[in-house]
């Protein structure tokens, strides 16, 4: 009886989702083809390519699915918006928007955006496509909510090659950081109820990315490299140098969420930066922070962060936000392993967006079903006074960074 109830829950959720997105497909045959494709992505086919999906759906050939992805008339961006709204509804407000990219290893030279470039998927330079993604995570679950295909300059500078891959003429070169900023603007403008943004150091070290989030009035905790410069009216310092000067009692042991083996506990140090008189109101509504996470087993292993948070936030909450970045890695793994995110055979630009968006929809259904049944609670995360010369000064219940007494290492700048 329990199995029948579970099957009924699956069927009801799928029917609800298909009804939600049906209007994006003007013809009945397209709607049925889309349903078969998504069911196939959620099915048990060994590999989610055209032939195996067609066989799973009972089609004689994959021609119908190829037309769905390549030549049929429907708007993948409108479907993306439906996926985002569905995820927000099922997972609830006050979540974290997470930005990251992932690679799709490919052969040949004709797939849109393909080229030899570094990808964390293989950990090396490989022939691949790169997609920049956003995931939304709350205590109820996590799912992908947006995507953009990165096009290297070797592509955007060759318009004939772009036209052969059906890349629109108006699509020019954009860095991954620029694509990420477009995604953030779109997600927040759509009403996605995120309270925070987090990203790895590839995006966190980009001042334009951080400044956009401040202008959008949303808090962030982003990873940065140890060489990240911290700028103030007094000068410029490296973040690792500032953290090295943290007094022993500035470190506190905190969990940044639960992992597969329980709470992920690290030592954390955090201090407020001086207000920026150019950008900040008086009194400020937010503070900027420098943060560091130190491994308990290997104290030499330190990760660095910059944060922008409402006045009064607790360090434990910032640690939780920093730790939530793992959730997009879980999304990539689940969407690739369970929903065929990376198993497409399309080569043209529209086909990439269509397959990826349908795979995101399939993964969102899995997330919604898990949330209904209580989900899985695996990791929400990667999870004495100082001397007067130290920049670390205690102020109330937290630490702040004053202007260090030593000489700055570079020319003064008016911005953080």
Protein backbone atom coordinates (compact mmCIF):
# COMPACT_ATOMS: atom_id res chain seq x y z
CA UNK A 1 0.00 0.00 0.00
CA UNK A 2 2.87 2.34 0.79
CA UNK A 3 4.34 1.73 -2.68
CA UNK A 4 1.01 2.56 -4.32
CA UNK A 5 0.81 5.79 -2.31
CA UNK A 6 4.32 6.73 -3.46
CA UNK A 7 3.48 6.02 -7.10
CA UNK A 8 0.33 8.12 -6.76
CA UNK A 9 2.35 10.98 -5.29
CA UNK A 10 4.80 10.83 -8.21
CA UNK A 11 1.98 10.77 -10.76
CA UNK A 12 0.15 13.66 -9.10
CA UNK A 13 3.29 15.82 -8.94
CA UNK A 14 4.18 15.13 -12.57
CA UNK A 15 0.64 15.91 -13.72
CA UNK A 16 0.75 19.15 -11.74
CA UNK A 17 4.06 20.15 -13.30
CA UNK A 18 2.97 19.27 -16.83
CA UNK A 19 -0.19 21.34 -16.37
CA UNK A 20 1.92 24.26 -15.13
CA UNK A 21 4.14 24.31 -18.24
CA UNK A 22 1.66 23.11 -20.87
CA UNK A 23 1.02 26.63 -22.12
CA UNK A 24 4.63 26.90 -23.31
CA UNK A 25 3.91 24.27 -25.99
CA UNK A 26 1.27 25.47 -28.44
CA UNK A 27 0.53 22.12 -30.12
CA UNK A 28 -0.82 19.00 -28.45
CA UNK A 29 1.81 16.77 -30.06
CA UNK A 30 4.58 18.97 -28.63
CA UNK A 31 3.06 18.77 -25.17
CA UNK A 32 2.92 14.98 -25.30
CA UNK A 33 6.45 14.79 -26.65
CA UNK A 34 7.69 17.06 -23.85
CA UNK A 35 5.92 14.84 -21.30
CA UNK A 36 7.53 11.71 -22.72
CA UNK A 37 10.95 13.37 -22.75
CA UNK A 38 10.76 14.50 -19.11
CA UNK A 39 9.41 11.11 -18.02
CA UNK A 40 12.32 9.52 -19.88
CA UNK A 41 14.80 11.78 -18.08
CA UNK A 42 13.28 10.61 -14.80
CA UNK A 43 13.17 6.97 -15.95
CA UNK A 44 15.55 4.06 -15.70
CA UNK A 45 17.22 4.20 -19.12
CA UNK A 46 20.92 3.36 -18.78
CA UNK A 47 21.81 6.49 -20.70
CA UNK A 48 19.49 9.43 -21.37
CA UNK A 49 20.36 9.94 -25.05
CA UNK A 50 17.89 10.22 -27.94
CA UNK A 51 17.67 6.54 -28.89
CA UNK A 52 17.38 5.21 -25.35
CA UNK A 53 14.83 7.84 -24.34
CA UNK A 54 12.82 7.02 -27.48
CA UNK A 55 12.93 3.29 -26.71
CA UNK A 56 11.91 3.93 -23.10
CA UNK A 57 8.95 6.04 -24.29
CA UNK A 58 7.91 3.42 -26.88
CA UNK A 59 8.83 5.53 -29.91
CA UNK A 60 10.21 3.76 -32.97
CA UNK A 61 12.89 6.39 -33.57
CA UNK A 62 14.26 9.45 -31.74
CA UNK A 63 13.09 11.78 -34.54
CA UNK A 64 10.28 13.27 -32.46
CA UNK A 65 12.60 14.11 -29.59
CA UNK A 66 15.14 15.58 -32.00
CA UNK A 67 12.46 17.88 -33.42
CA UNK A 68 11.43 18.85 -29.87
CA UNK A 69 14.98 19.98 -29.12
CA UNK A 70 16.04 21.39 -32.48
CA UNK A 71 13.27 22.65 -34.72
CA UNK A 72 9.94 22.87 -32.88
CA UNK A 73 8.61 26.30 -31.87
CA UNK A 74 8.68 26.87 -28.11
CA UNK A 75 10.48 29.20 -25.70
CA UNK A 76 13.06 27.57 -23.45
CA UNK A 77 13.51 30.79 -21.47
CA UNK A 78 9.80 30.92 -20.65
CA UNK A 79 10.04 27.32 -19.45
CA UNK A 80 13.08 28.27 -17.37
CA UNK A 81 10.97 30.94 -15.66
CA UNK A 82 8.33 28.30 -14.89
CA UNK A 83 10.98 26.03 -13.38
CA UNK A 84 12.25 28.87 -11.17
CA UNK A 85 8.74 29.74 -9.96
CA UNK A 86 7.98 26.07 -9.28
CA UNK A 87 11.19 25.61 -7.26
CA UNK A 88 10.52 28.77 -5.23
CA UNK A 89 6.99 27.61 -4.47
CA UNK A 90 8.04 24.14 -3.39
CA UNK A 91 11.15 25.11 -1.40
CA UNK A 92 9.93 28.32 0.24
CA UNK A 93 11.46 31.72 1.02
CA UNK A 94 14.68 32.98 2.61
CA UNK A 95 16.96 30.60 0.73
CA UNK A 96 20.42 30.99 -0.78
CA UNK A 97 21.04 31.64 -4.46
CA UNK A 98 24.24 29.81 -5.46
CA UNK A 99 26.28 30.58 -8.59
CA UNK A 100 28.72 28.13 -10.18
CA UNK A 101 29.65 26.61 -13.52
CA UNK A 102 30.03 23.04 -14.71
CA UNK A 103 31.54 21.40 -17.77
CA UNK A 104 30.09 19.05 -20.36
CA UNK A 105 32.82 16.95 -21.96
CA UNK A 106 32.26 16.71 -25.73
CA UNK A 107 34.05 15.43 -28.83
CA UNK A 108 34.45 17.42 -32.02
CA UNK A 109 34.31 21.12 -32.79
CA UNK A 110 30.73 21.81 -33.90
CA UNK A 111 28.77 21.80 -30.62
CA UNK A 112 27.94 25.40 -29.69
CA UNK A 113 30.62 26.87 -27.42
CA UNK A 114 32.78 23.75 -27.38
CA UNK A 115 36.52 24.19 -27.07
CA UNK A 116 39.57 23.28 -25.07
CA UNK A 117 39.06 25.01 -21.73
CA UNK A 118 39.46 24.24 -18.05
CA UNK A 119 36.56 22.53 -16.33
CA UNK A 120 36.23 21.35 -12.77
CA UNK A 121 34.23 18.40 -14.10
CA UNK A 122 37.45 16.69 -15.18
CA UNK A 123 39.82 18.90 -13.21
CA UNK A 124 41.85 19.80 -16.29
CA UNK A 125 41.76 21.51 -19.68
CA UNK A 126 39.40 19.45 -21.79
CA UNK A 127 37.31 19.66 -24.94
CA UNK A 128 34.02 20.74 -23.43
CA UNK A 129 31.15 23.16 -23.14
CA UNK A 130 30.77 25.28 -20.01
CA UNK A 131 27.45 26.25 -18.50
CA UNK A 132 27.02 28.91 -15.81
CA UNK A 133 24.19 27.96 -13.44
CA UNK A 134 22.22 29.17 -10.45
CA UNK A 135 20.73 26.91 -7.79
CA UNK A 136 18.27 27.83 -5.05
CA UNK A 137 18.63 26.11 -1.68
CA UNK A 138 16.57 26.16 1.51
CA UNK A 139 16.20 23.75 4.39
CA UNK A 140 13.67 21.86 2.25
CA UNK A 141 15.97 21.10 -0.69
CA UNK A 142 17.93 22.54 -3.61
CA UNK A 143 17.40 22.75 -7.36
CA UNK A 144 18.79 24.48 -10.44
CA UNK A 145 16.87 27.62 -11.44
CA UNK A 146 18.83 29.26 -14.27
CA UNK A 147 21.55 28.60 -16.86
CA UNK A 148 23.64 30.23 -19.56
CA UNK A 149 26.03 28.70 -22.09
CA UNK A 150 29.49 30.26 -22.06
CA UNK A 151 30.80 31.08 -25.54
CA UNK A 152 34.59 31.52 -25.83
CA UNK A 153 35.96 34.34 -28.01
CA UNK A 154 37.00 31.73 -30.58
CA UNK A 155 33.28 31.32 -31.17
CA UNK A 156 31.93 34.86 -30.87
CA UNK A 157 34.63 36.23 -33.17
CA UNK A 158 33.60 33.78 -35.93
CA UNK A 159 30.06 34.71 -36.93
CA UNK A 160 29.85 32.08 -39.66
CA UNK A 161 30.63 29.40 -37.12
CA UNK A 162 28.03 30.90 -34.78
CA UNK A 163 25.35 30.94 -37.48
CA UNK A 164 26.05 27.29 -38.33
CA UNK A 165 25.38 26.45 -34.66
CA UNK A 166 22.24 28.65 -34.64
CA UNK A 167 23.77 31.11 -32.18
CA UNK A 168 21.84 34.42 -32.46
CA UNK A 169 23.70 37.28 -34.09
CA UNK A 170 23.06 39.46 -31.04
CA UNK A 171 24.87 37.03 -28.74
CA UNK A 172 28.36 38.44 -28.30
CA UNK A 173 31.20 37.52 -25.98
CA UNK A 174 30.45 37.61 -22.26
CA UNK A 175 32.71 36.43 -19.47
CA UNK A 176 31.43 33.86 -17.00
CA UNK A 177 31.23 36.69 -14.45
CA UNK A 178 29.03 38.74 -16.77
CA UNK A 179 26.77 35.73 -17.36
CA UNK A 180 26.57 35.24 -13.59
CA UNK A 181 25.53 38.86 -13.07
CA UNK A 182 22.82 38.50 -15.72
CA UNK A 183 21.54 35.38 -13.97
CA UNK A 184 21.46 37.08 -10.56
CA UNK A 185 19.58 40.09 -11.94
CA UNK A 186 17.06 37.80 -13.63
CA UNK A 187 16.49 35.59 -10.60
CA UNK A 188 15.96 38.46 -8.19
CA UNK A 189 13.83 40.45 -10.65
CA UNK A 190 11.58 37.42 -11.04
CA UNK A 191 10.78 37.45 -7.33
CA UNK A 192 12.86 34.43 -6.30
CA UNK A 193 12.72 34.80 -2.49
CA UNK A 194 16.45 34.47 -1.85
CA UNK A 195 17.91 36.14 1.24
CA UNK A 196 21.56 35.48 0.36
CA UNK A 197 23.92 34.80 -2.54
CA UNK A 198 27.04 32.67 -2.39
CA UNK A 199 29.65 31.62 -4.96
CA UNK A 200 33.14 30.20 -5.19
CA UNK A 201 36.24 32.33 -5.58
CA UNK A 202 36.02 32.49 -9.39
CA UNK A 203 32.99 34.75 -8.92
CA UNK A 204 33.64 36.02 -5.40
CA UNK A 205 36.87 37.78 -6.37
CA UNK A 206 35.01 39.84 -8.99
CA UNK A 207 34.35 43.29 -7.51
CA UNK A 208 31.62 43.95 -10.09
CA UNK A 209 29.77 40.81 -8.94
CA UNK A 210 29.95 41.81 -5.28
CA UNK A 211 28.99 45.41 -6.00
CA UNK A 212 25.94 44.30 -8.00
CA UNK A 213 24.71 42.30 -5.02
CA UNK A 214 25.15 45.32 -2.76
CA UNK A 215 23.22 47.49 -5.20
CA UNK A 216 20.46 44.86 -5.26
CA UNK A 217 20.42 45.00 -1.44
CA UNK A 218 21.01 41.29 -0.94
CA UNK A 219 23.50 39.78 1.47
CA UNK A 220 26.35 37.61 0.27
CA UNK A 221 29.13 35.36 1.52
CA UNK A 222 31.56 34.58 -1.31
CA UNK A 223 34.85 32.71 -1.37
CA UNK A 224 37.96 34.61 -2.45
CA UNK A 225 41.59 33.58 -3.00
CA UNK A 226 44.16 34.15 -0.27
CA UNK A 227 45.67 36.92 -2.40
CA UNK A 228 42.40 38.90 -2.35
CA UNK A 229 43.09 42.57 -1.66
CA UNK A 230 41.14 44.33 1.07
CA UNK A 231 40.95 48.04 0.28
CA UNK A 232 40.18 50.97 2.52
CA UNK A 233 40.99 54.65 2.75
CA UNK A 234 44.12 53.64 4.67
CA UNK A 235 45.52 51.32 2.03
CA UNK A 236 45.40 47.81 0.64
CA UNK A 237 46.11 44.52 2.43
CA UNK A 238 45.92 40.87 1.46
CA UNK A 239 43.17 38.91 3.18
CA UNK A 240 45.55 36.16 4.31
CA UNK A 241 47.76 38.77 5.99
CA UNK A 242 44.79 40.16 7.91
CA UNK A 243 43.64 36.69 8.96
CA UNK A 244 47.18 35.81 10.08
CA UNK A 245 46.93 38.66 12.59
CA UNK A 246 43.67 37.41 14.08
CA UNK A 247 44.04 36.83 17.85
CA UNK A 248 43.42 33.34 19.15
CA UNK A 249 40.10 34.24 20.74
CA UNK A 250 38.77 35.64 17.44
CA UNK A 251 38.40 32.04 16.27
CA UNK A 252 35.25 30.13 17.18
CA UNK A 253 34.20 26.58 16.44
CA UNK A 254 31.00 26.45 14.39
CA UNK A 255 29.09 24.05 12.20
CA UNK A 256 28.30 25.32 8.73
CA UNK A 257 25.62 22.69 8.24
CA UNK A 258 25.18 18.94 8.19
CA UNK A 259 27.11 16.66 5.87
CA UNK A 260 26.67 12.98 5.08
CA UNK A 261 28.55 12.19 8.31
CA UNK A 262 26.91 14.80 10.51
CA UNK A 263 27.71 18.45 11.33
CA UNK A 264 30.57 19.98 9.36
CA UNK A 265 32.58 21.78 12.00
CA UNK A 266 35.41 24.24 11.39
CA UNK A 267 37.12 27.07 13.21
CA UNK A 268 35.89 30.44 11.94
CA UNK A 269 37.24 33.97 12.33
CA UNK A 270 35.32 37.02 11.14
CA UNK A 271 35.70 40.76 11.51
CA UNK A 272 33.78 43.76 10.23
CA UNK A 273 35.47 46.11 7.79
CA UNK A 274 35.25 49.87 8.23
CA UNK A 275 32.22 51.45 6.54
CA UNK A 276 32.71 52.72 3.00
CA UNK A 277 31.85 56.40 3.07
CA UNK A 278 31.35 56.47 -0.71
CA UNK A 279 28.76 53.71 -0.94
CA UNK A 280 27.24 53.28 2.52
CA UNK A 281 24.46 55.29 4.20
CA UNK A 282 24.98 56.78 7.65
CA UNK A 283 24.21 54.84 9.75
CA UNK A 284 24.91 51.76 7.60
CA UNK A 285 22.23 49.12 7.07
CA UNK A 286 24.82 46.45 6.22
CA UNK A 287 28.38 45.63 7.22
CA UNK A 288 31.14 44.12 5.11
CA UNK A 289 33.16 41.33 6.66
CA UNK A 290 36.34 39.36 6.12
CA UNK A 291 36.05 35.72 7.14
CA UNK A 292 38.19 32.61 7.26
CA UNK A 293 37.38 28.93 7.72
CA UNK A 294 40.12 26.72 9.19
CA UNK A 295 40.16 22.93 9.08
CA UNK A 296 40.26 21.17 12.45
CA UNK A 297 42.39 18.30 11.11
CA UNK A 298 44.79 20.50 9.13
CA UNK A 299 45.11 24.06 10.51
CA UNK A 300 47.14 25.03 7.44
CA UNK A 301 44.02 24.51 5.31
CA UNK A 302 42.27 27.90 5.37
CA UNK A 303 39.52 29.20 3.10
CA UNK A 304 38.80 32.93 2.80
CA UNK A 305 35.55 34.84 2.30
CA UNK A 306 34.14 38.31 1.90
CA UNK A 307 30.64 38.96 3.21
CA UNK A 308 28.01 41.70 3.08
CA UNK A 309 25.32 41.26 5.68
CA UNK A 310 22.55 43.17 7.47
CA UNK A 311 23.52 44.90 10.71
CA UNK A 312 23.17 42.51 13.62
CA UNK A 313 23.81 39.25 11.78
CA UNK A 314 25.51 36.49 13.74
CA UNK A 315 28.75 34.83 12.62
CA UNK A 316 27.05 31.45 12.81
CA UNK A 317 24.58 32.52 10.12
CA UNK A 318 27.39 33.74 7.85
CA UNK A 319 29.11 30.37 8.29
CA UNK A 320 25.89 28.59 7.30
CA UNK A 321 25.59 30.71 4.15
CA UNK A 322 29.23 30.07 3.24
CA UNK A 323 28.70 26.37 3.73
CA UNK A 324 25.57 26.23 1.58
CA UNK A 325 27.65 26.53 -1.61
CA UNK A 326 28.00 22.72 -1.66
CA UNK A 327 24.31 22.47 -2.63
CA UNK A 328 24.90 23.41 -6.28
CA UNK A 329 27.50 20.62 -6.55
CA UNK A 330 24.84 18.24 -5.28
CA UNK A 331 22.46 19.63 -7.92
CA UNK A 332 24.99 19.05 -10.70
CA UNK A 333 25.69 15.51 -9.53
CA UNK A 334 22.02 14.58 -9.16
CA UNK A 335 20.91 16.26 -12.39
CA UNK A 336 23.68 14.53 -14.35
CA UNK A 337 23.35 11.11 -12.72
CA UNK A 338 19.57 10.97 -12.42
CA UNK A 339 18.16 13.34 -15.05
CA UNK A 340 20.63 13.18 -17.96
CA UNK A 341 21.74 16.80 -17.68
CA UNK A 342 25.01 16.01 -19.48
CA UNK A 343 23.84 13.16 -21.74
CA UNK A 344 22.48 15.20 -24.63
CA UNK A 345 23.52 14.74 -28.25
CA UNK A 346 22.39 18.12 -29.59
CA UNK A 347 25.01 20.37 -31.14
CA UNK A 348 23.14 23.60 -31.83
CA UNK A 349 22.68 26.46 -29.42
CA UNK A 350 18.86 26.24 -29.08
CA UNK A 351 19.06 22.49 -28.53
CA UNK A 352 21.47 22.94 -25.62
CA UNK A 353 19.15 25.38 -23.85
CA UNK A 354 16.11 23.18 -24.47
CA UNK A 355 17.64 19.95 -23.20
CA UNK A 356 19.25 21.64 -20.18
CA UNK A 357 15.99 23.35 -19.22
CA UNK A 358 13.97 20.14 -19.52
CA UNK A 359 16.57 18.33 -17.41
CA UNK A 360 16.32 21.14 -14.84
CA UNK A 361 12.55 20.63 -14.80
CA UNK A 362 13.00 16.89 -14.23
CA UNK A 363 15.44 17.53 -11.39
CA UNK A 364 13.09 20.10 -9.86
CA UNK A 365 10.36 17.44 -9.74
CA UNK A 366 12.69 15.12 -7.80
CA UNK A 367 13.49 17.97 -5.41
CA UNK A 368 9.81 18.80 -4.88
CA UNK A 369 8.95 15.16 -4.19
CA UNK A 370 11.81 14.88 -1.68
CA UNK A 371 10.59 18.08 0.03
CA UNK A 372 7.08 16.64 0.32
CA UNK A 373 8.37 13.55 2.09
CA UNK A 374 10.71 15.40 4.39
CA UNK A 375 13.63 15.45 1.96
CA UNK A 376 17.07 14.34 2.86
CA UNK A 377 18.92 16.31 5.45
CA UNK A 378 22.41 15.75 4.10
CA UNK A 379 24.91 18.55 4.35
CA UNK A 380 23.74 22.09 4.23
CA UNK A 381 27.36 22.97 3.87
CA UNK A 382 30.81 22.06 2.78
CA UNK A 383 29.99 22.34 6.26
CA UNK A 384 42.82 38.19 25.84
CA UNK A 385 42.64 41.58 23.99
CA UNK A 386 44.73 41.89 20.83
CA UNK A 387 47.85 43.97 20.86
CA UNK A 388 47.26 47.62 20.07
CA UNK A 389 49.22 47.28 16.82
CA UNK A 390 46.82 44.62 15.51
CA UNK A 391 44.06 45.63 13.09
CA UNK A 392 41.74 43.25 14.99
CA UNK A 393 39.82 45.16 17.67
CA UNK A 394 36.93 43.92 19.78
CA UNK A 395 33.81 46.07 19.52
CA UNK A 396 30.81 44.97 21.51
CA UNK A 397 30.19 41.30 20.83
CA UNK A 398 32.18 41.10 17.58
CA UNK A 399 35.52 41.93 16.04
CA UNK A 400 36.25 44.81 13.70
CA UNK A 401 39.22 45.66 11.52
CA UNK A 402 40.80 49.03 12.12
CA UNK A 403 43.55 50.52 9.98
CA UNK A 404 46.69 48.42 10.49
CA UNK A 405 49.67 50.29 11.88
CA UNK A 406 52.13 48.83 9.41
CA UNK A 407 52.67 50.34 6.00
CA UNK A 408 50.20 49.34 3.27
CA UNK A 409 51.46 47.19 0.44
CA UNK A 410 49.94 49.22 -2.37
CA UNK A 411 48.48 52.54 -3.35
CA UNK A 412 45.48 53.71 -1.26
CA UNK A 413 42.01 53.25 -2.77
CA UNK A 414 38.62 54.69 -1.74
CA UNK A 415 36.75 51.40 -2.13
CA UNK A 416 36.51 48.04 -0.36
